[in-house]
Amino acid sequence: MQENTKLMAGELHSLSHRMKDAVQELKNVRSLAGASMLSALGVVIHAVTTVVASLTQIVSFAFLTVGVSGLLYGPVVTGCIGAITDILKYIVKPNGGFFPGFTLSEFILGFIFGLFFYQRKVTLARVFAAKLTTTLVINLTLTPLWLSMMYGNAFIVLVSGRIVKNLIMLPIETGLLYFLLKKVQEIVQQKTS
């Protein structure tokens, strides 16, 4: 019991330290420039997205740039860049009407990826946990809620229609994100050594 308490206290201290560093990234011009380039790449990737069934079922790999940004620049920068990227994606390739809820979702996606990856070792378990969290919070909760508010469809119908797609995509997206983040972390470690 005492061991678990010490572990929890260490994690909270680590989180506090990482959040302070993440806020400092907002003052780093190099971080903002790098995050902006990842944002632009995310807009380009989004422009080649595939609509699966309707505007409610889209497959996109733009989350990969958000994951890399979370790893390199932390939750604060990545969340802010995610929100800005959402607006840019809408300007470049609008899919339906603009809704600020999706911008909030992109901020949350970036923030979650930053919490899981910033100043942390990339492991398959960590990437899976991050992807599972974003799938549950964003893909299966917030996105159906926003679509329900926009189009008047029943929330439960939208959720049930998304479950199969998300079950199929979760391991695929986890694998892609893991290998990309692992490679980026190796490159960063080589540069700092």
Protein backbone atom coordinates (compact mmCIF):
# COMPACT_ATOMS: atom_id res chain seq x y z
CA MET A 1 0.00 0.00 0.00
CA GLN A 2 2.77 2.41 0.94
CA GLU A 3 4.58 1.44 -2.29
CA ASN A 4 1.53 2.42 -4.36
CA THR A 5 1.25 5.74 -2.54
CA LYS A 6 4.90 6.55 -3.29
CA LEU A 7 4.41 5.57 -6.93
CA MET A 8 1.32 7.78 -7.20
CA ALA A 9 3.13 10.72 -5.56
CA GLY A 10 6.05 10.27 -7.96
CA GLU A 11 3.69 10.26 -10.96
CA LEU A 12 1.94 13.43 -9.74
CA HIS A 13 5.29 15.16 -9.22
CA SER A 14 6.41 14.04 -12.69
CA LEU A 15 3.15 15.31 -14.22
CA SER A 16 3.55 18.66 -12.47
CA HIS A 17 7.13 19.00 -13.75
CA ARG A 18 6.13 17.97 -17.30
CA MET A 19 3.23 20.46 -17.34
CA LYS A 20 5.58 23.30 -16.32
CA ASP A 21 7.91 22.32 -19.16
CA ALA A 22 4.95 22.06 -21.54
CA VAL A 23 3.86 25.62 -20.73
CA GLN A 24 7.42 26.82 -21.38
CA GLU A 25 7.21 25.31 -24.90
CA LEU A 26 4.76 28.14 -25.74
CA LYS A 27 7.68 30.58 -25.34
CA ASN A 28 10.05 28.56 -27.51
CA VAL A 29 10.07 29.80 -31.12
CA ARG A 30 11.61 26.53 -32.34
CA SER A 31 8.75 24.55 -30.74
CA LEU A 32 6.10 26.81 -32.23
CA ALA A 33 7.71 26.58 -35.68
CA GLY A 34 7.96 22.78 -35.48
CA ALA A 35 4.39 22.45 -34.25
CA SER A 36 3.22 24.77 -37.05
CA MET A 37 4.93 22.59 -39.66
CA LEU A 38 3.26 19.50 -38.19
CA SER A 39 -0.02 21.39 -38.27
CA ALA A 40 0.44 22.17 -41.97
CA LEU A 41 1.26 18.52 -42.63
CA GLY A 42 -1.91 17.55 -40.74
CA VAL A 43 -3.96 19.84 -43.00
CA VAL A 44 -2.45 18.20 -46.08
CA ILE A 45 -3.11 14.70 -44.74
CA HIS A 46 -6.69 15.70 -43.90
CA ALA A 47 -7.17 16.91 -47.47
CA VAL A 48 -6.76 13.31 -48.67
CA THR A 49 -9.12 11.76 -46.11
CA THR A 50 -11.59 9.09 -47.10
CA VAL A 51 -15.29 9.30 -46.35
CA VAL A 52 -16.42 5.78 -45.40
CA ALA A 53 -20.20 6.01 -45.30
CA SER A 54 -21.22 9.62 -44.89
CA LEU A 55 -19.93 12.76 -43.27
CA THR A 56 -20.30 10.93 -39.96
CA GLN A 57 -17.76 8.20 -40.87
CA ILE A 58 -14.38 9.57 -41.95
CA VAL A 59 -11.02 7.79 -41.95
CA SER A 60 -8.09 10.18 -41.56
CA PHE A 61 -4.48 9.74 -40.54
CA ALA A 62 -3.98 13.37 -39.50
CA PHE A 63 -3.83 12.16 -35.88
CA LEU A 64 -0.26 11.01 -36.61
CA THR A 65 0.98 14.60 -36.80
CA VAL A 66 -0.85 15.39 -33.56
CA GLY A 67 0.86 12.43 -31.88
CA VAL A 68 4.30 13.58 -33.01
CA SER A 69 3.56 17.11 -31.82
CA GLY A 70 2.43 15.73 -28.45
CA LEU A 71 5.68 13.81 -28.13
CA LEU A 72 7.89 16.75 -29.07
CA TYR A 73 6.05 19.81 -27.73
CA GLY A 74 3.69 18.66 -24.97
CA PRO A 75 0.00 19.00 -24.23
CA VAL A 76 -0.29 22.80 -24.18
CA VAL A 77 1.27 23.57 -27.57
CA THR A 78 -0.25 20.49 -29.19
CA GLY A 79 -3.73 21.29 -27.87
CA CYS A 80 -3.53 24.87 -29.16
CA ILE A 81 -2.09 23.79 -32.50
CA GLY A 82 -4.83 21.12 -32.75
CA ALA A 83 -7.53 23.76 -32.40
CA ILE A 84 -5.89 26.02 -34.99
CA THR A 85 -5.38 23.05 -37.33
CA ASP A 86 -9.08 22.18 -37.13
CA ILE A 87 -10.00 25.63 -38.39
CA LEU A 88 -7.40 25.41 -41.18
CA LYS A 89 -8.63 21.94 -42.17
CA TYR A 90 -12.14 23.32 -42.51
CA ILE A 91 -10.92 26.20 -44.68
CA VAL A 92 -8.92 23.87 -46.98
CA LYS A 93 -11.46 21.04 -47.24
CA PRO A 94 -14.81 21.63 -45.56
CA ASN A 95 -16.70 18.47 -44.60
CA GLY A 96 -20.19 19.71 -43.78
CA GLY A 97 -20.68 22.83 -41.69
CA PHE A 98 -18.19 24.33 -39.28
CA PHE A 99 -18.92 23.50 -35.63
CA PRO A 100 -16.76 24.75 -32.72
CA GLY A 101 -17.25 21.46 -30.86
CA PHE A 102 -14.91 19.77 -33.34
CA THR A 103 -12.30 22.45 -32.62
CA LEU A 104 -12.62 21.63 -28.92
CA SER A 105 -12.23 17.93 -29.76
CA GLU A 106 -9.00 18.64 -31.63
CA PHE A 107 -7.68 20.61 -28.66
CA ILE A 108 -8.52 17.70 -26.36
CA LEU A 109 -6.90 15.21 -28.76
CA GLY A 110 -3.65 17.20 -28.75
CA PHE A 111 -3.76 17.69 -25.00
CA ILE A 112 -4.30 13.96 -24.34
CA PHE A 113 -1.51 12.93 -26.71
CA GLY A 114 0.78 15.48 -25.02
CA LEU A 115 -0.06 14.11 -21.58
CA PHE A 116 0.69 10.56 -22.65
CA PHE A 117 3.83 11.16 -24.74
CA TYR A 118 5.63 14.37 -23.70
CA GLN A 119 8.91 13.58 -21.94
CA ARG A 120 7.87 9.92 -21.68
CA LYS A 121 9.32 6.76 -23.18
CA VAL A 122 7.27 5.52 -26.12
CA THR A 123 5.88 2.06 -25.37
CA LEU A 124 3.21 0.06 -27.12
CA ALA A 125 1.13 0.02 -23.93
CA ARG A 126 1.34 3.82 -23.58
CA VAL A 127 0.40 4.39 -27.24
CA PHE A 128 -2.50 1.94 -26.96
CA ALA A 129 -3.72 3.65 -23.77
CA ALA A 130 -3.54 7.07 -25.46
CA LYS A 131 -5.35 5.83 -28.56
CA LEU A 132 -7.99 4.03 -26.48
CA THR A 133 -8.56 7.17 -24.41
CA THR A 134 -8.97 9.38 -27.47
CA THR A 135 -11.22 6.80 -29.12
CA LEU A 136 -13.52 6.65 -26.10
CA VAL A 137 -13.51 10.37 -25.27
CA ILE A 138 -13.51 11.86 -28.76
CA ASN A 139 -14.58 9.31 -31.37
CA LEU A 140 -17.30 7.59 -29.34
CA THR A 141 -18.47 10.45 -27.10
CA LEU A 142 -17.74 13.97 -28.31
CA THR A 143 -17.95 13.46 -32.08
CA PRO A 144 -21.37 11.74 -31.93
CA LEU A 145 -22.52 14.45 -29.53
CA TRP A 146 -21.45 17.22 -31.94
CA LEU A 147 -23.01 15.41 -34.92
CA SER A 148 -26.21 14.91 -32.95
CA MET A 149 -26.33 18.60 -32.16
CA MET A 150 -25.58 19.58 -35.77
CA TYR A 151 -27.84 17.20 -37.68
CA GLY A 152 -30.45 16.19 -35.11
CA ASN A 153 -29.62 12.48 -35.30
CA ALA A 154 -30.02 10.36 -32.19
CA PHE A 155 -26.78 10.22 -30.16
CA ILE A 156 -27.04 6.47 -29.50
CA VAL A 157 -27.52 5.74 -33.21
CA LEU A 158 -24.39 7.74 -34.07
CA VAL A 159 -22.37 5.97 -31.36
CA SER A 160 -23.52 2.50 -32.41
CA GLY A 161 -22.69 3.27 -36.03
CA ARG A 162 -19.14 4.26 -35.07
CA ILE A 163 -18.27 1.33 -32.81
CA VAL A 164 -17.35 -1.15 -35.57
CA LYS A 165 -15.19 1.36 -37.45
CA ASN A 166 -13.37 2.33 -34.26
CA LEU A 167 -12.84 -1.30 -33.21
CA ILE A 168 -11.26 -1.99 -36.59
CA MET A 169 -9.18 1.18 -36.66
CA LEU A 170 -7.93 1.12 -33.03
CA PRO A 171 -5.20 -1.52 -33.54
CA ILE A 172 -4.26 -0.12 -36.96
CA GLU A 173 -3.95 3.44 -35.66
CA THR A 174 -2.13 2.25 -32.54
CA GLY A 175 0.44 0.38 -34.63
CA LEU A 176 1.01 3.28 -37.01
CA LEU A 177 1.33 5.78 -34.19
CA TYR A 178 3.65 3.51 -32.18
CA PHE A 179 6.10 2.95 -35.01
CA LEU A 180 6.12 6.62 -36.00
CA LEU A 181 6.61 7.87 -32.44
CA LYS A 182 9.29 5.26 -31.76
CA LYS A 183 11.22 6.43 -34.84
CA VAL A 184 10.82 10.12 -33.97
CA GLN A 185 12.01 9.45 -30.41
CA GLU A 186 15.07 7.59 -31.72
CA ILE A 187 15.93 10.50 -34.03
CA VAL A 188 15.53 13.03 -31.20
CA GLN A 189 17.70 10.94 -28.87
CA GLN A 190 20.41 10.67 -31.52
CA LYS A 191 20.42 14.43 -32.03
CA THR A 192 20.70 15.13 -28.30
CA SER A 193 23.44 12.55 -27.71
